[in-house]
Amino acid sequence: MTQDRGYFSEETSAQAVIARNAACPNPRLAQVMEVITRKLHEAVKEIEPSEAEWMQALQFLTATGQICNDWRQEWILFSDIMGVSMLVDAINHRKPDGGSENTVLGPFHVADAPEMPMGANICLDGKGEDMVVSGYVRDTQGRPLAGVRMDVWQANDEGFYDVQQKGIQPDFNLRGVFVTGADGHYWFKAVKPKFYPIPDDGPVGKLLAALGRHPYRPAHLHFIVQADGFQTLTTHIFDPNCPYITSDAVFGVKESLLANFRKVEDAAKSTAMGFTADWFWAVDFDFVLAR
């Protein structure tokens, strides 16, 4: 009765707000706001913040919004470091048994990367440790899939994407699109990726530091794998030996996405691949698409 009249008390705070929103014409919005209101009030009651602490929280939210612009989205970064981006991704991309797992897209995908012949080298500037990536794309029944479009991109050996180093890296460096043949096999040449930090010069970076956390993402390659009649797979493969593999700042690592990075010390094979060093890295990883 109290909440219907709009009166407020510490004990009935959430109910009072939820009741005030009862006339919302959008059922989904009403549901979302009810849950958020209930959980937020529960958190405030458990934490019992001082007024100074609450003002500090509001100032953090304000600063996070103020740093956002056309090329930087600090709120997405906040969602990332809280594990919420990965949770939303997991909820929206549940796969049947055997299907390869999704992970976050990341901010550095570029549309219209060039389609390349199978076996081409996506490294255009010749820098970094040579690497060959190969494997098969199959369905959940183990059948090879032809005509699969694989959009691939990665950071260089210094941890930068081409779009971060305009004028230093060539356009579309370490990017390419490959299409599988009848056997479902893919392979291409690249360079061994390196870990890199997410932007940490803003409010989210300061929060990470206050929490005693680092800003680094472990070394990985990105893939978007698409085929008619199948769910699109957006994922990474990770170097399991990277020092940050178990502490990804954005929680993007899943155990099933750890690849095997092998050092092949064979000068003849390296020469046959067109490499100048007498060794190279080899990575084998298969993808499974779900209908």
C-alpha atoms as a PDB file:
ATOM      1  CA  MET A   1       0.000   0.000   0.000  1.00  0.00           C
ATOM      2  CA  THR A   2       2.850   2.365   0.899  1.00  0.00           C
ATOM      3  CA  GLN A   3       4.590   1.906  -2.447  1.00  0.00           C
ATOM      4  CA  ASP A   4       1.310   2.497  -4.361  1.00  0.00           C
ATOM      5  CA  ARG A   5       1.055   5.934  -2.755  1.00  0.00           C
ATOM      6  CA  GLY A   6       4.633   6.710  -3.688  1.00  0.00           C
ATOM      7  CA  TYR A   7       5.991   6.734  -0.143  1.00  0.00           C
ATOM      8  CA  PHE A   8       9.580   5.624   0.311  1.00  0.00           C
ATOM      9  CA  SER A   9      11.431   3.706   3.013  1.00  0.00           C
ATOM     10  CA  GLU A  10      14.741   1.926   3.196  1.00  0.00           C
ATOM     11  CA  GLU A  11      12.998  -1.418   3.544  1.00  0.00           C
ATOM     12  CA  THR A  12      10.664  -0.973   0.534  1.00  0.00           C
ATOM     13  CA  SER A  13      12.922   1.155  -1.701  1.00  0.00           C
ATOM     14  CA  ALA A  14      13.032  -1.233  -4.665  1.00  0.00           C
ATOM     15  CA  GLN A  15       9.310  -1.987  -4.532  1.00  0.00           C
ATOM     16  CA  ALA A  16       8.516   1.729  -4.504  1.00  0.00           C
ATOM     17  CA  VAL A  17      10.515   2.328  -7.700  1.00  0.00           C
ATOM     18  CA  ILE A  18       9.165  -0.780  -9.430  1.00  0.00           C
ATOM     19  CA  ALA A  19       5.591   0.240  -8.603  1.00  0.00           C
ATOM     20  CA  ARG A  20       6.222   3.738  -9.990  1.00  0.00           C
ATOM     21  CA  ASN A  21       7.257   2.114 -13.306  1.00  0.00           C
ATOM     22  CA  ALA A  22       4.172  -0.121 -13.451  1.00  0.00           C
ATOM     23  CA  ALA A  23       2.500   1.846 -16.244  1.00  0.00           C
ATOM     24  CA  CYS A  24       5.409   1.252 -18.654  1.00  0.00           C
ATOM     25  CA  PRO A  25       3.815   0.307 -22.022  1.00  0.00           C
ATOM     26  CA  ASN A  26       6.852  -1.757 -23.109  1.00  0.00           C
ATOM     27  CA  PRO A  27       6.770  -5.172 -21.351  1.00  0.00           C
ATOM     28  CA  ARG A  28      10.421  -5.947 -22.075  1.00  0.00           C
ATOM     29  CA  LEU A  29      11.583  -2.575 -20.743  1.00  0.00           C
ATOM     30  CA  ALA A  30       9.413  -3.057 -17.655  1.00  0.00           C
ATOM     31  CA  GLN A  31      10.982  -6.472 -17.065  1.00  0.00           C
ATOM     32  CA  VAL A  32      14.526  -5.192 -17.559  1.00  0.00           C
ATOM     33  CA  MET A  33      14.031  -2.199 -15.264  1.00  0.00           C
ATOM     34  CA  GLU A  34      12.427  -4.325 -12.560  1.00  0.00           C
ATOM     35  CA  VAL A  35      15.416  -6.669 -12.450  1.00  0.00           C
ATOM     36  CA  ILE A  36      17.971  -3.850 -12.594  1.00  0.00           C
ATOM     37  CA  THR A  37      16.167  -1.869  -9.895  1.00  0.00           C
ATOM     38  CA  ARG A  38      15.893  -4.870  -7.616  1.00  0.00           C
ATOM     39  CA  LYS A  39      19.554  -5.882  -8.017  1.00  0.00           C
ATOM     40  CA  LEU A  40      20.865  -2.313  -7.750  1.00  0.00           C
ATOM     41  CA  HIS A  41      18.978  -1.641  -4.529  1.00  0.00           C
ATOM     42  CA  GLU A  42      20.161  -4.994  -3.147  1.00  0.00           C
ATOM     43  CA  ALA A  43      23.757  -4.021  -3.914  1.00  0.00           C
ATOM     44  CA  VAL A  44      23.442  -0.581  -2.305  1.00  0.00           C
ATOM     45  CA  LYS A  45      21.899  -2.086   0.827  1.00  0.00           C
ATOM     46  CA  GLU A  46      24.669  -4.688   1.077  1.00  0.00           C
ATOM     47  CA  ILE A  47      27.513  -2.219   0.425  1.00  0.00           C
ATOM     48  CA  GLU A  48      26.048   0.672   2.446  1.00  0.00           C
ATOM     49  CA  PRO A  49      28.148   3.306   0.645  1.00  0.00           C
ATOM     50  CA  SER A  50      28.910   6.616   2.257  1.00  0.00           C
ATOM     51  CA  GLU A  51      27.654   9.679   0.412  1.00  0.00           C
ATOM     52  CA  ALA A  52      31.256  10.438  -0.600  1.00  0.00           C
ATOM     53  CA  GLU A  53      31.668   6.925  -2.016  1.00  0.00           C
ATOM     54  CA  TRP A  54      28.435   7.233  -3.992  1.00  0.00           C
ATOM     55  CA  MET A  55      29.570  10.575  -5.408  1.00  0.00           C
ATOM     56  CA  GLN A  56      32.864   8.937  -6.399  1.00  0.00           C
ATOM     57  CA  ALA A  57      30.895   6.254  -8.246  1.00  0.00           C
ATOM     58  CA  LEU A  58      28.842   8.887 -10.055  1.00  0.00           C
ATOM     59  CA  GLN A  59      31.991  10.762 -11.013  1.00  0.00           C
ATOM     60  CA  PHE A  60      33.424   7.546 -12.480  1.00  0.00           C
ATOM     61  CA  LEU A  61      30.277   7.065 -14.577  1.00  0.00           C
ATOM     62  CA  THR A  62      30.427  10.689 -15.713  1.00  0.00           C
ATOM     63  CA  ALA A  63      34.105  10.462 -16.699  1.00  0.00           C
ATOM     64  CA  THR A  64      33.481   7.202 -18.558  1.00  0.00           C
ATOM     65  CA  GLY A  65      30.806   8.877 -20.673  1.00  0.00           C
ATOM     66  CA  GLN A  66      32.857  12.007 -21.264  1.00  0.00           C
ATOM     67  CA  ILE A  67      35.802  10.129 -22.801  1.00  0.00           C
ATOM     68  CA  CYS A  68      33.596   8.379 -25.372  1.00  0.00           C
ATOM     69  CA  ASN A  69      33.746   9.681 -28.943  1.00  0.00           C
ATOM     70  CA  ASP A  70      33.426   8.450 -32.541  1.00  0.00           C
ATOM     71  CA  TRP A  71      36.420   6.126 -32.264  1.00  0.00           C
ATOM     72  CA  ARG A  72      36.531   5.282 -28.558  1.00  0.00           C
ATOM     73  CA  GLN A  73      33.782   3.587 -26.556  1.00  0.00           C
ATOM     74  CA  GLU A  74      34.794   3.475 -22.903  1.00  0.00           C
ATOM     75  CA  TRP A  75      31.452   1.960 -21.877  1.00  0.00           C
ATOM     76  CA  ILE A  76      32.142  -1.103 -24.041  1.00  0.00           C
ATOM     77  CA  LEU A  77      35.566  -1.303 -22.416  1.00  0.00           C
ATOM     78  CA  PHE A  78      33.904  -1.191 -18.988  1.00  0.00           C
ATOM     79  CA  SER A  79      31.547  -3.969 -20.072  1.00  0.00           C
ATOM     80  CA  ASP A  80      34.572  -5.942 -21.280  1.00  0.00           C
ATOM     81  CA  ILE A  81      36.626  -5.762 -18.082  1.00  0.00           C
ATOM     82  CA  MET A  82      33.575  -6.687 -16.001  1.00  0.00           C
ATOM     83  CA  GLY A  83      33.107  -9.858 -18.037  1.00  0.00           C
ATOM     84  CA  VAL A  84      29.659  -8.729 -19.177  1.00  0.00           C
ATOM     85  CA  SER A  85      30.537  -8.525 -22.880  1.00  0.00           C
ATOM     86  CA  MET A  86      31.653 -12.155 -22.816  1.00  0.00           C
ATOM     87  CA  LEU A  87      28.590 -13.203 -20.819  1.00  0.00           C
ATOM     88  CA  VAL A  88      26.211 -11.564 -23.318  1.00  0.00           C
ATOM     89  CA  ASP A  89      28.176 -13.194 -26.154  1.00  0.00           C
ATOM     90  CA  ALA A  90      27.936 -16.612 -24.476  1.00  0.00           C
ATOM     91  CA  ILE A  91      24.182 -16.283 -23.900  1.00  0.00           C
ATOM     92  CA  ASN A  92      23.561 -15.283 -27.506  1.00  0.00           C
ATOM     93  CA  HIS A  93      25.820 -17.903 -29.094  1.00  0.00           C
ATOM     94  CA  ARG A  94      25.114 -21.124 -27.243  1.00  0.00           C
ATOM     95  CA  LYS A  95      26.328 -23.992 -29.417  1.00  0.00           C
ATOM     96  CA  PRO A  96      25.323 -27.655 -29.600  1.00  0.00           C
ATOM     97  CA  ASP A  97      27.878 -30.189 -28.427  1.00  0.00           C
ATOM     98  CA  GLY A  98      30.901 -30.145 -30.683  1.00  0.00           C
ATOM     99  CA  GLY A  99      30.379 -26.657 -32.140  1.00  0.00           C
ATOM    100  CA  SER A 100      33.347 -24.294 -31.858  1.00  0.00           C
ATOM    101  CA  GLU A 101      32.887 -21.614 -29.235  1.00  0.00           C
ATOM    102  CA  ASN A 102      32.442 -17.912 -29.861  1.00  0.00           C
ATOM    103  CA  THR A 103      34.335 -15.072 -28.282  1.00  0.00           C
ATOM    104  CA  VAL A 104      34.147 -11.287 -28.609  1.00  0.00           C
ATOM    105  CA  LEU A 105      34.618  -9.551 -31.979  1.00  0.00           C
ATOM    106  CA  GLY A 106      36.947  -6.847 -30.690  1.00  0.00           C
ATOM    107  CA  PRO A 107      37.199  -3.273 -31.995  1.00  0.00           C
ATOM    108  CA  PHE A 108      39.689  -3.808 -34.837  1.00  0.00           C
ATOM    109  CA  HIS A 109      37.752  -5.776 -37.443  1.00  0.00           C
ATOM    110  CA  VAL A 110      37.772  -4.092 -40.863  1.00  0.00           C
ATOM    111  CA  ALA A 111      35.195  -4.846 -43.554  1.00  0.00           C
ATOM    112  CA  ASP A 112      36.190  -5.687 -47.123  1.00  0.00           C
ATOM    113  CA  ALA A 113      39.549  -7.291 -46.391  1.00  0.00           C
ATOM    114  CA  PRO A 114      40.974  -8.758 -49.622  1.00  0.00           C
ATOM    115  CA  GLU A 115      40.112 -12.321 -50.608  1.00  0.00           C
ATOM    116  CA  MET A 116      43.311 -14.311 -51.019  1.00  0.00           C
ATOM    117  CA  PRO A 117      44.217 -17.683 -52.523  1.00  0.00           C
ATOM    118  CA  MET A 118      44.649 -20.477 -50.025  1.00  0.00           C
ATOM    119  CA  GLY A 119      48.206 -20.481 -48.690  1.00  0.00           C
ATOM    120  CA  ALA A 120      48.777 -16.738 -49.196  1.00  0.00           C
ATOM    121  CA  ASN A 121      50.723 -14.658 -46.692  1.00  0.00           C
ATOM    122  CA  ILE A 122      48.628 -12.028 -44.894  1.00  0.00           C
ATOM    123  CA  CYS A 123      51.788 -10.288 -43.636  1.00  0.00           C
ATOM    124  CA  LEU A 124      52.512  -7.502 -46.120  1.00  0.00           C
ATOM    125  CA  ASP A 125      55.522  -5.848 -44.499  1.00  0.00           C
ATOM    126  CA  GLY A 126      57.692  -8.914 -43.851  1.00  0.00           C
ATOM    127  CA  LYS A 127      58.088  -8.140 -40.147  1.00  0.00           C
ATOM    128  CA  GLY A 128      57.753 -10.684 -37.366  1.00  0.00           C
ATOM    129  CA  GLU A 129      58.311 -14.394 -36.832  1.00  0.00           C
ATOM    130  CA  ASP A 130      56.891 -16.428 -39.733  1.00  0.00           C
ATOM    131  CA  MET A 131      53.948 -18.693 -39.020  1.00  0.00           C
ATOM    132  CA  VAL A 132      51.700 -21.128 -40.898  1.00  0.00           C
ATOM    133  CA  VAL A 133      48.111 -21.585 -39.701  1.00  0.00           C
ATOM    134  CA  SER A 134      46.131 -24.560 -40.970  1.00  0.00           C
ATOM    135  CA  GLY A 135      43.245 -26.871 -40.189  1.00  0.00           C
ATOM    136  CA  TYR A 136      39.824 -28.028 -41.321  1.00  0.00           C
ATOM    137  CA  VAL A 137      36.304 -26.657 -41.122  1.00  0.00           C
ATOM    138  CA  ARG A 138      33.683 -29.336 -40.485  1.00  0.00           C
ATOM    139  CA  ASP A 139      30.081 -29.621 -39.321  1.00  0.00           C
ATOM    140  CA  THR A 140      29.106 -31.216 -36.021  1.00  0.00           C
ATOM    141  CA  GLN A 141      28.885 -34.592 -37.792  1.00  0.00           C
ATOM    142  CA  GLY A 142      32.531 -34.358 -38.805  1.00  0.00           C
ATOM    143  CA  ARG A 143      31.856 -33.702 -42.494  1.00  0.00           C
ATOM    144  CA  PRO A 144      34.193 -31.238 -44.273  1.00  0.00           C
ATOM    145  CA  LEU A 145      32.583 -28.003 -45.397  1.00  0.00           C
ATOM    146  CA  ALA A 146      33.321 -26.433 -48.773  1.00  0.00           C
ATOM    147  CA  GLY A 147      32.787 -22.766 -49.613  1.00  0.00           C
ATOM    148  CA  VAL A 148      33.378 -21.578 -46.054  1.00  0.00           C
ATOM    149  CA  ARG A 149      34.399 -17.928 -45.916  1.00  0.00           C
ATOM    150  CA  MET A 150      37.095 -17.277 -43.304  1.00  0.00           C
ATOM    151  CA  ASP A 151      37.813 -13.647 -42.434  1.00  0.00           C
ATOM    152  CA  VAL A 152      41.142 -13.510 -40.571  1.00  0.00           C
ATOM    153  CA  TRP A 153      42.975 -10.670 -38.820  1.00  0.00           C
ATOM    154  CA  GLN A 154      45.624 -10.232 -36.151  1.00  0.00           C
ATOM    155  CA  ALA A 155      47.984  -7.811 -34.415  1.00  0.00           C
ATOM    156  CA  ASN A 156      51.610  -7.702 -35.464  1.00  0.00           C
ATOM    157  CA  ASP A 157      54.639  -8.825 -33.467  1.00  0.00           C
ATOM    158  CA  GLU A 158      54.570  -5.522 -31.562  1.00  0.00           C
ATOM    159  CA  GLY A 159      50.926  -5.886 -30.545  1.00  0.00           C
ATOM    160  CA  PHE A 160      49.432  -3.353 -32.991  1.00  0.00           C
ATOM    161  CA  TYR A 161      46.753  -3.706 -35.674  1.00  0.00           C
ATOM    162  CA  ASP A 162      47.203  -1.945 -39.011  1.00  0.00           C
ATOM    163  CA  VAL A 163      44.452   0.578 -38.205  1.00  0.00           C
ATOM    164  CA  GLN A 164      46.418   1.635 -35.120  1.00  0.00           C
ATOM    165  CA  GLN A 165      49.529   2.381 -37.165  1.00  0.00           C
ATOM    166  CA  LYS A 166      48.368   4.194 -40.281  1.00  0.00           C
ATOM    167  CA  GLY A 167      51.417   5.115 -42.339  1.00  0.00           C
ATOM    168  CA  ILE A 168      53.556   2.569 -40.490  1.00  0.00           C
ATOM    169  CA  GLN A 169      51.823  -0.679 -41.421  1.00  0.00           C
ATOM    170  CA  PRO A 170      50.379  -1.146 -44.925  1.00  0.00           C
ATOM    171  CA  ASP A 171      46.589  -1.057 -45.223  1.00  0.00           C
ATOM    172  CA  PHE A 172      45.071  -4.518 -44.694  1.00  0.00           C
ATOM    173  CA  ASN A 173      48.317  -5.794 -43.198  1.00  0.00           C
ATOM    174  CA  LEU A 174      47.714  -9.090 -41.413  1.00  0.00           C
ATOM    175  CA  ARG A 175      44.173  -9.382 -42.774  1.00  0.00           C
ATOM    176  CA  GLY A 176      42.671 -11.654 -45.384  1.00  0.00           C
ATOM    177  CA  VAL A 177      39.689 -13.699 -46.477  1.00  0.00           C
ATOM    178  CA  PHE A 178      40.007 -17.352 -47.500  1.00  0.00           C
ATOM    179  CA  VAL A 179      37.415 -19.768 -48.907  1.00  0.00           C
ATOM    180  CA  THR A 180      37.661 -23.513 -48.301  1.00  0.00           C
ATOM    181  CA  GLY A 181      37.568 -26.111 -51.052  1.00  0.00           C
ATOM    182  CA  ALA A 182      35.779 -29.447 -51.133  1.00  0.00           C
ATOM    183  CA  ASP A 183      37.998 -30.948 -48.418  1.00  0.00           C
ATOM    184  CA  GLY A 184      37.222 -28.151 -45.936  1.00  0.00           C
ATOM    185  CA  HIS A 185      40.947 -27.509 -45.505  1.00  0.00           C
ATOM    186  CA  TYR A 186      42.375 -24.040 -44.944  1.00  0.00           C
ATOM    187  CA  TRP A 187      45.878 -22.720 -44.572  1.00  0.00           C
ATOM    188  CA  PHE A 188      47.632 -19.382 -44.741  1.00  0.00           C
ATOM    189  CA  LYS A 189      50.869 -17.686 -43.727  1.00  0.00           C
ATOM    190  CA  ALA A 190      51.049 -15.035 -41.022  1.00  0.00           C
ATOM    191  CA  VAL A 191      53.317 -13.951 -38.165  1.00  0.00           C
ATOM    192  CA  LYS A 192      53.309 -14.983 -34.545  1.00  0.00           C
ATOM    193  CA  PRO A 193      50.994 -12.531 -32.710  1.00  0.00           C
ATOM    194  CA  LYS A 194      51.890 -10.761 -29.495  1.00  0.00           C
ATOM    195  CA  PHE A 195      49.916  -9.744 -26.414  1.00  0.00           C
ATOM    196  CA  TYR A 196      48.818  -6.124 -26.196  1.00  0.00           C
ATOM    197  CA  PRO A 197      47.053  -3.771 -23.740  1.00  0.00           C
ATOM    198  CA  ILE A 198      43.508  -2.510 -24.035  1.00  0.00           C
ATOM    199  CA  PRO A 199      43.287   1.313 -23.737  1.00  0.00           C
ATOM    200  CA  ASP A 200      44.177   2.052 -20.116  1.00  0.00           C
ATOM    201  CA  ASP A 201      44.568   5.834 -20.109  1.00  0.00           C
ATOM    202  CA  GLY A 202      40.950   6.512 -19.134  1.00  0.00           C
ATOM    203  CA  PRO A 203      38.589   5.791 -16.221  1.00  0.00           C
ATOM    204  CA  VAL A 204      38.430   2.054 -16.997  1.00  0.00           C
ATOM    205  CA  GLY A 205      42.226   1.801 -16.999  1.00  0.00           C
ATOM    206  CA  LYS A 206      42.372   3.606 -13.662  1.00  0.00           C
ATOM    207  CA  LEU A 207      39.789   1.178 -12.285  1.00  0.00           C
ATOM    208  CA  LEU A 208      41.865  -1.787 -13.468  1.00  0.00           C
ATOM    209  CA  ALA A 209      44.936  -0.367 -11.732  1.00  0.00           C
ATOM    210  CA  ALA A 210      42.950   0.246  -8.539  1.00  0.00           C
ATOM    211  CA  LEU A 211      41.813  -3.376  -8.652  1.00  0.00           C
ATOM    212  CA  GLY A 212      45.395  -4.601  -9.053  1.00  0.00           C
ATOM    213  CA  ARG A 213      44.672  -5.907 -12.580  1.00  0.00           C
ATOM    214  CA  HIS A 214      46.745  -5.567 -15.755  1.00  0.00           C
ATOM    215  CA  PRO A 215      45.266  -4.325 -19.080  1.00  0.00           C
ATOM    216  CA  TYR A 216      46.688  -7.034 -21.362  1.00  0.00           C
ATOM    217  CA  ARG A 217      45.031  -9.370 -23.839  1.00  0.00           C
ATOM    218  CA  PRO A 218      46.942 -12.599 -24.576  1.00  0.00           C
ATOM    219  CA  ALA A 219      48.309 -13.266 -28.066  1.00  0.00           C
ATOM    220  CA  HIS A 220      45.598 -14.393 -30.489  1.00  0.00           C
ATOM    221  CA  LEU A 221      44.278 -14.475 -34.042  1.00  0.00           C
ATOM    222  CA  HIS A 222      40.727 -13.436 -34.972  1.00  0.00           C
ATOM    223  CA  PHE A 223      38.347 -15.397 -37.198  1.00  0.00           C
ATOM    224  CA  ILE A 224      34.873 -14.915 -38.580  1.00  0.00           C
ATOM    225  CA  VAL A 225      33.832 -18.227 -40.126  1.00  0.00           C
ATOM    226  CA  GLN A 226      30.694 -18.231 -42.309  1.00  0.00           C
ATOM    227  CA  ALA A 227      28.891 -20.818 -44.421  1.00  0.00           C
ATOM    228  CA  ASP A 228      25.365 -20.985 -45.837  1.00  0.00           C
ATOM    229  CA  GLY A 229      23.017 -22.857 -43.530  1.00  0.00           C
ATOM    230  CA  PHE A 230      25.304 -22.568 -40.490  1.00  0.00           C
ATOM    231  CA  GLN A 231      25.628 -20.199 -37.550  1.00  0.00           C
ATOM    232  CA  THR A 232      28.330 -17.595 -38.091  1.00  0.00           C
ATOM    233  CA  LEU A 233      31.286 -18.205 -35.792  1.00  0.00           C
ATOM    234  CA  THR A 234      33.161 -15.178 -34.423  1.00  0.00           C
ATOM    235  CA  THR A 235      36.121 -16.350 -32.408  1.00  0.00           C
ATOM    236  CA  HIS A 236      39.854 -16.268 -31.625  1.00  0.00           C
ATOM    237  CA  ILE A 237      42.561 -18.876 -31.335  1.00  0.00           C
ATOM    238  CA  PHE A 238      45.049 -18.257 -28.535  1.00  0.00           C
ATOM    239  CA  ASP A 239      48.704 -19.001 -27.842  1.00  0.00           C
ATOM    240  CA  PRO A 240      48.589 -21.138 -24.663  1.00  0.00           C
ATOM    241  CA  ASN A 241      52.147 -20.154 -23.764  1.00  0.00           C
ATOM    242  CA  CYS A 242      51.397 -16.427 -23.597  1.00  0.00           C
ATOM    243  CA  PRO A 243      52.093 -15.027 -20.096  1.00  0.00           C
ATOM    244  CA  TYR A 244      48.577 -13.511 -19.980  1.00  0.00           C
ATOM    245  CA  ILE A 245      46.659 -16.570 -21.181  1.00  0.00           C
ATOM    246  CA  THR A 246      44.905 -17.130 -17.842  1.00  0.00           C
ATOM    247  CA  SER A 247      44.289 -13.454 -17.053  1.00  0.00           C
ATOM    248  CA  ASP A 248      42.843 -11.872 -20.207  1.00  0.00           C
ATOM    249  CA  ALA A 249      41.701  -8.359 -19.276  1.00  0.00           C
ATOM    250  CA  VAL A 250      38.385  -8.884 -21.123  1.00  0.00           C
ATOM    251  CA  PHE A 251      37.814 -12.583 -20.229  1.00  0.00           C
ATOM    252  CA  GLY A 252      37.871 -13.634 -23.900  1.00  0.00           C
ATOM    253  CA  VAL A 253      39.811 -16.872 -23.440  1.00  0.00           C
ATOM    254  CA  LYS A 254      37.994 -20.191 -23.482  1.00  0.00           C
ATOM    255  CA  GLU A 255      39.909 -23.412 -22.978  1.00  0.00           C
ATOM    256  CA  SER A 256      38.599 -24.893 -26.225  1.00  0.00           C
ATOM    257  CA  LEU A 257      40.201 -22.019 -28.163  1.00  0.00           C
ATOM    258  CA  LEU A 258      43.778 -22.766 -27.095  1.00  0.00           C
ATOM    259  CA  ALA A 259      45.795 -23.717 -30.170  1.00  0.00           C
ATOM    260  CA  ASN A 260      49.084 -25.594 -30.430  1.00  0.00           C
ATOM    261  CA  PHE A 261      51.919 -23.256 -31.467  1.00  0.00           C
ATOM    262  CA  ARG A 262      54.813 -25.489 -32.623  1.00  0.00           C
ATOM    263  CA  LYS A 263      58.270 -24.255 -33.568  1.00  0.00           C
ATOM    264  CA  VAL A 264      59.350 -26.093 -36.731  1.00  0.00           C
ATOM    265  CA  GLU A 265      63.139 -26.039 -37.000  1.00  0.00           C
ATOM    266  CA  ASP A 266      63.467 -27.331 -40.548  1.00  0.00           C
ATOM    267  CA  ALA A 267      65.359 -25.108 -42.989  1.00  0.00           C
ATOM    268  CA  ALA A 268      64.152 -27.016 -46.060  1.00  0.00           C
ATOM    269  CA  LYS A 269      60.490 -26.712 -45.095  1.00  0.00           C
ATOM    270  CA  SER A 270      60.963 -23.050 -44.232  1.00  0.00           C
ATOM    271  CA  THR A 271      62.561 -22.352 -47.623  1.00  0.00           C
ATOM    272  CA  ALA A 272      59.757 -24.215 -49.364  1.00  0.00           C
ATOM    273  CA  MET A 273      57.283 -21.928 -47.615  1.00  0.00           C
ATOM    274  CA  GLY A 274      59.127 -18.888 -48.911  1.00  0.00           C
ATOM    275  CA  PHE A 275      60.493 -17.867 -45.522  1.00  0.00           C
ATOM    276  CA  THR A 276      64.004 -16.498 -45.022  1.00  0.00           C
ATOM    277  CA  ALA A 277      64.651 -17.906 -41.551  1.00  0.00           C
ATOM    278  CA  ASP A 278      65.493 -21.597 -41.129  1.00  0.00           C
ATOM    279  CA  TRP A 279      62.504 -22.132 -38.822  1.00  0.00           C
ATOM    280  CA  PHE A 280      58.870 -21.050 -38.470  1.00  0.00           C
ATOM    281  CA  TRP A 281      55.838 -21.457 -36.237  1.00  0.00           C
ATOM    282  CA  ALA A 282      53.081 -23.911 -37.151  1.00  0.00           C
ATOM    283  CA  VAL A 283      49.566 -23.711 -35.731  1.00  0.00           C
ATOM    284  CA  ASP A 284      46.917 -26.377 -36.336  1.00  0.00           C
ATOM    285  CA  PHE A 285      43.313 -25.668 -35.386  1.00  0.00           C
ATOM    286  CA  ASP A 286      40.008 -27.105 -36.624  1.00  0.00           C
ATOM    287  CA  PHE A 287      36.688 -25.260 -36.589  1.00  0.00           C
ATOM    288  CA  VAL A 288      33.287 -26.896 -36.203  1.00  0.00           C
ATOM    289  CA  LEU A 289      30.195 -25.026 -37.424  1.00  0.00           C
ATOM    290  CA  ALA A 290      26.723 -25.629 -36.017  1.00  0.00           C
ATOM    291  CA  ARG A 291      23.629 -25.588 -38.227  1.00  0.00           C
END
